[in-house]
Amino acid sequence: MNNIIKVIQNINNVSLNTKTTFYKNVKSGDIISVIYYDVEKEQVRVFQYSGVCLRASKKLYRTKINVKNYFGQTGVIKQFFLYSPFIVDVAILQKTKIKQR
């Protein structure tokens, strides 16, 4: 269990720089991917969630993003706190083009 915690701490230290650049570049409408993990007893499970960013509230270390994805005919909205220790990595897969009027 201690080895797992050390590996996770190293991953979080490296990904802090990517979270900061993501924080500056993300806008609503972008397609993003979030990789996070969950620890239950002795198991560590890694999940990936991709979807459209509905909202990004930028408040430094309280930054949160809402991501919407469709599974079948049901829309699922998940909320992630960007600087949470459970978030391993975030990436912008596709930027949206905004038309100016």
N, C-alpha and C. Protein backbone atom coordinates (compact mmCIF):
# COMPACT_ATOMS: atom_id res chain seq x y z
N MET A 1 0.83 -1.20 0.00
CA MET A 1 0.00 0.00 0.00
C MET A 1 0.86 1.25 0.00
N ASN A 2 1.98 1.24 0.73
CA ASN A 2 2.86 2.41 0.78
C ASN A 2 3.48 2.69 -0.58
N ASN A 3 3.81 1.63 -1.33
CA ASN A 3 4.37 1.83 -2.66
C ASN A 3 3.37 2.50 -3.58
N ILE A 4 2.12 2.13 -3.47
CA ILE A 4 1.07 2.73 -4.30
C ILE A 4 0.95 4.22 -4.00
N ILE A 5 0.99 4.58 -2.74
CA ILE A 5 0.87 5.98 -2.34
C ILE A 5 2.05 6.79 -2.86
N LYS A 6 3.27 6.25 -2.82
CA LYS A 6 4.45 6.95 -3.32
C LYS A 6 4.35 7.18 -4.83
N VAL A 7 3.89 6.19 -5.56
CA VAL A 7 3.74 6.33 -7.02
C VAL A 7 2.71 7.40 -7.33
N ILE A 8 1.61 7.41 -6.63
CA ILE A 8 0.56 8.41 -6.86
C ILE A 8 1.06 9.81 -6.54
N GLN A 9 1.83 9.97 -5.48
CA GLN A 9 2.37 11.28 -5.13
C GLN A 9 3.33 11.78 -6.21
N ASN A 10 4.14 10.90 -6.78
CA ASN A 10 5.05 11.29 -7.86
C ASN A 10 4.27 11.72 -9.09
N ILE A 11 3.21 11.01 -9.42
CA ILE A 11 2.39 11.37 -10.58
C ILE A 11 1.76 12.73 -10.37
N ASN A 12 1.25 13.01 -9.18
CA ASN A 12 0.62 14.30 -8.91
C ASN A 12 1.61 15.45 -8.99
N ASN A 13 2.85 15.26 -8.57
CA ASN A 13 3.85 16.32 -8.66
C ASN A 13 4.18 16.65 -10.10
N VAL A 14 4.25 15.66 -10.97
CA VAL A 14 4.56 15.89 -12.38
C VAL A 14 3.39 16.54 -13.09
N SER A 15 2.17 16.14 -12.77
CA SER A 15 1.01 16.62 -13.50
C SER A 15 0.57 18.02 -13.08
N LEU A 16 1.18 18.61 -12.06
CA LEU A 16 0.80 19.95 -11.63
C LEU A 16 1.05 20.97 -12.73
N ASN A 17 2.14 20.82 -13.48
CA ASN A 17 2.44 21.74 -14.58
C ASN A 17 1.42 21.61 -15.69
N THR A 18 1.01 20.39 -16.02
CA THR A 18 0.01 20.23 -17.08
C THR A 18 -1.34 20.77 -16.64
N LYS A 19 -1.66 20.67 -15.36
CA LYS A 19 -2.93 21.22 -14.87
C LYS A 19 -2.94 22.73 -14.97
N THR A 20 -1.80 23.36 -14.72
CA THR A 20 -1.72 24.82 -14.79
C THR A 20 -1.89 25.31 -16.22
N THR A 21 -1.26 24.64 -17.18
CA THR A 21 -1.42 25.05 -18.58
C THR A 21 -2.83 24.77 -19.06
N PHE A 22 -3.42 23.67 -18.59
CA PHE A 22 -4.80 23.36 -18.94
C PHE A 22 -5.74 24.42 -18.39
N TYR A 23 -5.50 24.83 -17.18
CA TYR A 23 -6.32 25.84 -16.50
C TYR A 23 -6.35 27.14 -17.29
N LYS A 24 -5.24 27.50 -17.93
CA LYS A 24 -5.17 28.75 -18.67
C LYS A 24 -5.80 28.65 -20.06
N ASN A 25 -5.86 27.46 -20.64
CA ASN A 25 -6.29 27.31 -22.03
C ASN A 25 -7.71 26.78 -22.22
N VAL A 26 -8.33 26.19 -21.21
CA VAL A 26 -9.63 25.55 -21.40
C VAL A 26 -10.75 26.58 -21.48
N LYS A 27 -11.72 26.30 -22.35
CA LYS A 27 -12.92 27.12 -22.47
C LYS A 27 -14.11 26.18 -22.62
N SER A 28 -15.29 26.69 -22.36
CA SER A 28 -16.47 25.84 -22.51
C SER A 28 -16.65 25.53 -24.00
N GLY A 29 -17.05 24.30 -24.27
CA GLY A 29 -17.21 23.84 -25.64
C GLY A 29 -16.06 22.98 -26.12
N ASP A 30 -14.94 23.00 -25.43
CA ASP A 30 -13.79 22.17 -25.81
C ASP A 30 -14.06 20.72 -25.44
N ILE A 31 -13.51 19.81 -26.22
CA ILE A 31 -13.60 18.38 -25.92
C ILE A 31 -12.36 18.02 -25.11
N ILE A 32 -12.58 17.50 -23.89
CA ILE A 32 -11.47 17.23 -22.99
C ILE A 32 -11.51 15.80 -22.48
N SER A 33 -10.38 15.37 -21.96
CA SER A 33 -10.24 14.04 -21.36
C SER A 33 -9.66 14.19 -19.97
N VAL A 34 -10.25 13.49 -19.00
CA VAL A 34 -9.80 13.53 -17.61
C VAL A 34 -9.44 12.11 -17.19
N ILE A 35 -8.24 11.93 -16.65
CA ILE A 35 -7.82 10.64 -16.12
C ILE A 35 -7.74 10.78 -14.61
N TYR A 36 -8.46 9.95 -13.89
CA TYR A 36 -8.49 10.01 -12.43
C TYR A 36 -8.48 8.60 -11.86
N TYR A 37 -8.19 8.50 -10.58
CA TYR A 37 -8.14 7.18 -9.95
C TYR A 37 -8.98 7.16 -8.69
N ASP A 38 -9.30 5.93 -8.27
CA ASP A 38 -10.08 5.70 -7.07
C ASP A 38 -9.40 4.60 -6.26
N VAL A 39 -9.24 4.82 -4.98
CA VAL A 39 -8.59 3.84 -4.11
C VAL A 39 -9.64 3.21 -3.21
N GLU A 40 -9.77 1.90 -3.31
CA GLU A 40 -10.67 1.14 -2.44
C GLU A 40 -9.87 0.02 -1.79
N LYS A 41 -9.75 0.09 -0.49
CA LYS A 41 -9.00 -0.91 0.28
C LYS A 41 -7.59 -1.05 -0.31
N GLU A 42 -7.29 -2.18 -0.95
CA GLU A 42 -5.96 -2.41 -1.52
C GLU A 42 -5.93 -2.22 -3.03
N GLN A 43 -7.06 -1.85 -3.63
CA GLN A 43 -7.13 -1.71 -5.08
C GLN A 43 -7.08 -0.26 -5.51
N VAL A 44 -6.37 0.00 -6.59
CA VAL A 44 -6.35 1.31 -7.20
C VAL A 44 -6.91 1.15 -8.60
N ARG A 45 -7.97 1.88 -8.90
CA ARG A 45 -8.60 1.80 -10.21
C ARG A 45 -8.43 3.13 -10.92
N VAL A 46 -8.02 3.06 -12.17
CA VAL A 46 -7.80 4.26 -12.97
C VAL A 46 -8.93 4.36 -13.99
N PHE A 47 -9.54 5.54 -14.09
CA PHE A 47 -10.64 5.77 -15.02
C PHE A 47 -10.29 6.91 -15.96
N GLN A 48 -10.89 6.87 -17.14
CA GLN A 48 -10.77 7.98 -18.08
C GLN A 48 -12.17 8.42 -18.47
N TYR A 49 -12.39 9.73 -18.45
CA TYR A 49 -13.69 10.28 -18.80
C TYR A 49 -13.48 11.39 -19.82
N SER A 50 -14.10 11.25 -20.98
CA SER A 50 -13.98 12.24 -22.05
C SER A 50 -15.34 12.82 -22.35
N GLY A 51 -15.36 14.08 -22.75
CA GLY A 51 -16.62 14.72 -23.09
C GLY A 51 -16.43 16.19 -23.38
N VAL A 52 -17.55 16.89 -23.46
CA VAL A 52 -17.56 18.32 -23.77
C VAL A 52 -17.53 19.10 -22.46
N CYS A 53 -16.65 20.09 -22.41
CA CYS A 53 -16.56 20.94 -21.22
C CYS A 53 -17.72 21.93 -21.25
N LEU A 54 -18.62 21.81 -20.29
CA LEU A 54 -19.75 22.71 -20.21
C LEU A 54 -19.39 24.02 -19.53
N ARG A 55 -18.59 23.90 -18.48
CA ARG A 55 -18.27 25.07 -17.69
C ARG A 55 -16.91 24.88 -17.03
N ALA A 56 -16.15 25.94 -17.00
CA ALA A 56 -14.87 25.91 -16.29
C ALA A 56 -14.81 27.15 -15.41
N SER A 57 -15.00 26.96 -14.11
CA SER A 57 -14.89 28.09 -13.18
C SER A 57 -13.45 28.17 -12.73
N LYS A 58 -12.80 29.28 -13.04
CA LYS A 58 -11.37 29.43 -12.79
C LYS A 58 -11.15 30.23 -11.52
N LYS A 59 -10.86 29.52 -10.44
CA LYS A 59 -10.61 30.15 -9.14
C LYS A 59 -9.34 29.56 -8.52
N LEU A 60 -8.25 29.63 -9.25
CA LEU A 60 -6.95 29.11 -8.83
C LEU A 60 -7.07 27.67 -8.35
N TYR A 61 -6.86 27.39 -7.06
CA TYR A 61 -6.85 26.01 -6.60
C TYR A 61 -8.25 25.44 -6.37
N ARG A 62 -9.28 26.25 -6.53
CA ARG A 62 -10.65 25.77 -6.45
C ARG A 62 -11.27 25.63 -7.83
N THR A 63 -10.46 25.51 -8.86
CA THR A 63 -10.93 25.41 -10.23
C THR A 63 -11.69 24.10 -10.42
N LYS A 64 -12.87 24.19 -11.00
CA LYS A 64 -13.63 22.98 -11.29
C LYS A 64 -14.15 23.04 -12.72
N ILE A 65 -14.32 21.86 -13.29
CA ILE A 65 -14.82 21.75 -14.66
C ILE A 65 -15.99 20.78 -14.68
N ASN A 66 -16.99 21.10 -15.50
CA ASN A 66 -18.13 20.21 -15.71
C ASN A 66 -17.97 19.60 -17.09
N VAL A 67 -18.02 18.28 -17.16
CA VAL A 67 -17.82 17.55 -18.40
C VAL A 67 -19.07 16.73 -18.69
N LYS A 68 -19.59 16.86 -19.92
CA LYS A 68 -20.81 16.13 -20.30
C LYS A 68 -20.48 15.13 -21.39
N ASN A 69 -21.00 13.91 -21.21
CA ASN A 69 -20.84 12.86 -22.20
C ASN A 69 -22.15 12.10 -22.30
N TYR A 70 -22.39 11.48 -23.44
CA TYR A 70 -23.61 10.71 -23.66
C TYR A 70 -23.29 9.24 -23.66
N PHE A 71 -24.03 8.47 -22.87
CA PHE A 71 -23.95 7.03 -22.85
C PHE A 71 -25.31 6.51 -23.29
N GLY A 72 -25.37 6.02 -24.52
CA GLY A 72 -26.66 5.62 -25.07
C GLY A 72 -27.49 6.86 -25.33
N GLN A 73 -28.67 6.93 -24.74
CA GLN A 73 -29.52 8.10 -24.89
C GLN A 73 -29.52 8.97 -23.63
N THR A 74 -28.63 8.66 -22.71
CA THR A 74 -28.61 9.38 -21.45
C THR A 74 -27.37 10.28 -21.39
N GLY A 75 -27.57 11.54 -21.05
CA GLY A 75 -26.45 12.46 -20.87
C GLY A 75 -25.98 12.42 -19.42
N VAL A 76 -24.67 12.32 -19.24
CA VAL A 76 -24.09 12.26 -17.91
C VAL A 76 -23.15 13.44 -17.74
N ILE A 77 -23.35 14.21 -16.67
CA ILE A 77 -22.50 15.35 -16.36
C ILE A 77 -21.71 15.03 -15.10
N LYS A 78 -20.38 15.13 -15.21
CA LYS A 78 -19.52 14.91 -14.05
C LYS A 78 -18.78 16.20 -13.74
N GLN A 79 -18.53 16.41 -12.47
CA GLN A 79 -17.84 17.61 -12.02
C GLN A 79 -16.50 17.18 -11.43
N PHE A 80 -15.42 17.82 -11.90
CA PHE A 80 -14.08 17.49 -11.43
C PHE A 80 -13.43 18.75 -10.86
N PHE A 81 -12.80 18.61 -9.70
CA PHE A 81 -11.98 19.68 -9.17
C PHE A 81 -10.57 19.46 -9.71
N LEU A 82 -10.08 20.43 -10.44
CA LEU A 82 -8.86 20.27 -11.22
C LEU A 82 -7.64 19.94 -10.36
N TYR A 83 -7.50 20.56 -9.20
CA TYR A 83 -6.32 20.34 -8.38
C TYR A 83 -6.54 19.28 -7.30
N SER A 84 -7.53 18.44 -7.49
CA SER A 84 -7.76 17.33 -6.57
C SER A 84 -6.61 16.33 -6.69
N PRO A 85 -6.19 15.70 -5.60
CA PRO A 85 -5.10 14.71 -5.70
C PRO A 85 -5.52 13.45 -6.46
N PHE A 86 -6.80 13.26 -6.70
CA PHE A 86 -7.26 12.08 -7.43
C PHE A 86 -7.20 12.26 -8.94
N ILE A 87 -7.02 13.48 -9.42
CA ILE A 87 -6.92 13.74 -10.85
C ILE A 87 -5.47 13.53 -11.27
N VAL A 88 -5.26 12.59 -12.20
CA VAL A 88 -3.91 12.29 -12.66
C VAL A 88 -3.51 13.21 -13.80
N ASP A 89 -4.38 13.34 -14.81
CA ASP A 89 -4.03 14.14 -15.98
C ASP A 89 -5.29 14.66 -16.65
N VAL A 90 -5.18 15.81 -17.27
CA VAL A 90 -6.26 16.38 -18.07
C VAL A 90 -5.67 16.85 -19.38
N ALA A 91 -6.44 16.75 -20.45
CA ALA A 91 -5.95 17.15 -21.77
C ALA A 91 -7.09 17.68 -22.60
N ILE A 92 -6.78 18.64 -23.45
CA ILE A 92 -7.75 19.16 -24.41
C ILE A 92 -7.58 18.36 -25.70
N LEU A 93 -8.61 17.63 -26.09
CA LEU A 93 -8.54 16.83 -27.30
C LEU A 93 -8.84 17.64 -28.55
N GLN A 94 -9.79 18.57 -28.43
CA GLN A 94 -10.18 19.38 -29.59
C GLN A 94 -10.68 20.74 -29.10
N LYS A 95 -10.19 21.79 -29.74
CA LYS A 95 -10.63 23.14 -29.40
C LYS A 95 -11.82 23.52 -30.29
N THR A 96 -12.72 24.32 -29.77
CA THR A 96 -13.84 24.79 -30.58
C THR A 96 -13.47 26.12 -31.22
N LYS A 97 -14.01 26.32 -32.39
CA LYS A 97 -13.79 27.57 -33.09
C LYS A 97 -14.96 28.50 -32.78
N ILE A 98 -14.65 29.69 -32.32
CA ILE A 98 -15.68 30.64 -31.94
C ILE A 98 -15.82 31.68 -33.05
N LYS A 99 -17.03 31.85 -33.53
CA LYS A 99 -17.29 32.85 -34.55
C LYS A 99 -17.48 34.20 -33.87
N GLN A 100 -16.80 35.19 -34.41
CA GLN A 100 -16.98 36.53 -33.87
C GLN A 100 -17.98 37.28 -34.71
N ARG A 101 -18.82 38.05 -34.05
CA ARG A 101 -19.86 38.80 -34.78
C ARG A 101 -19.45 40.22 -34.94
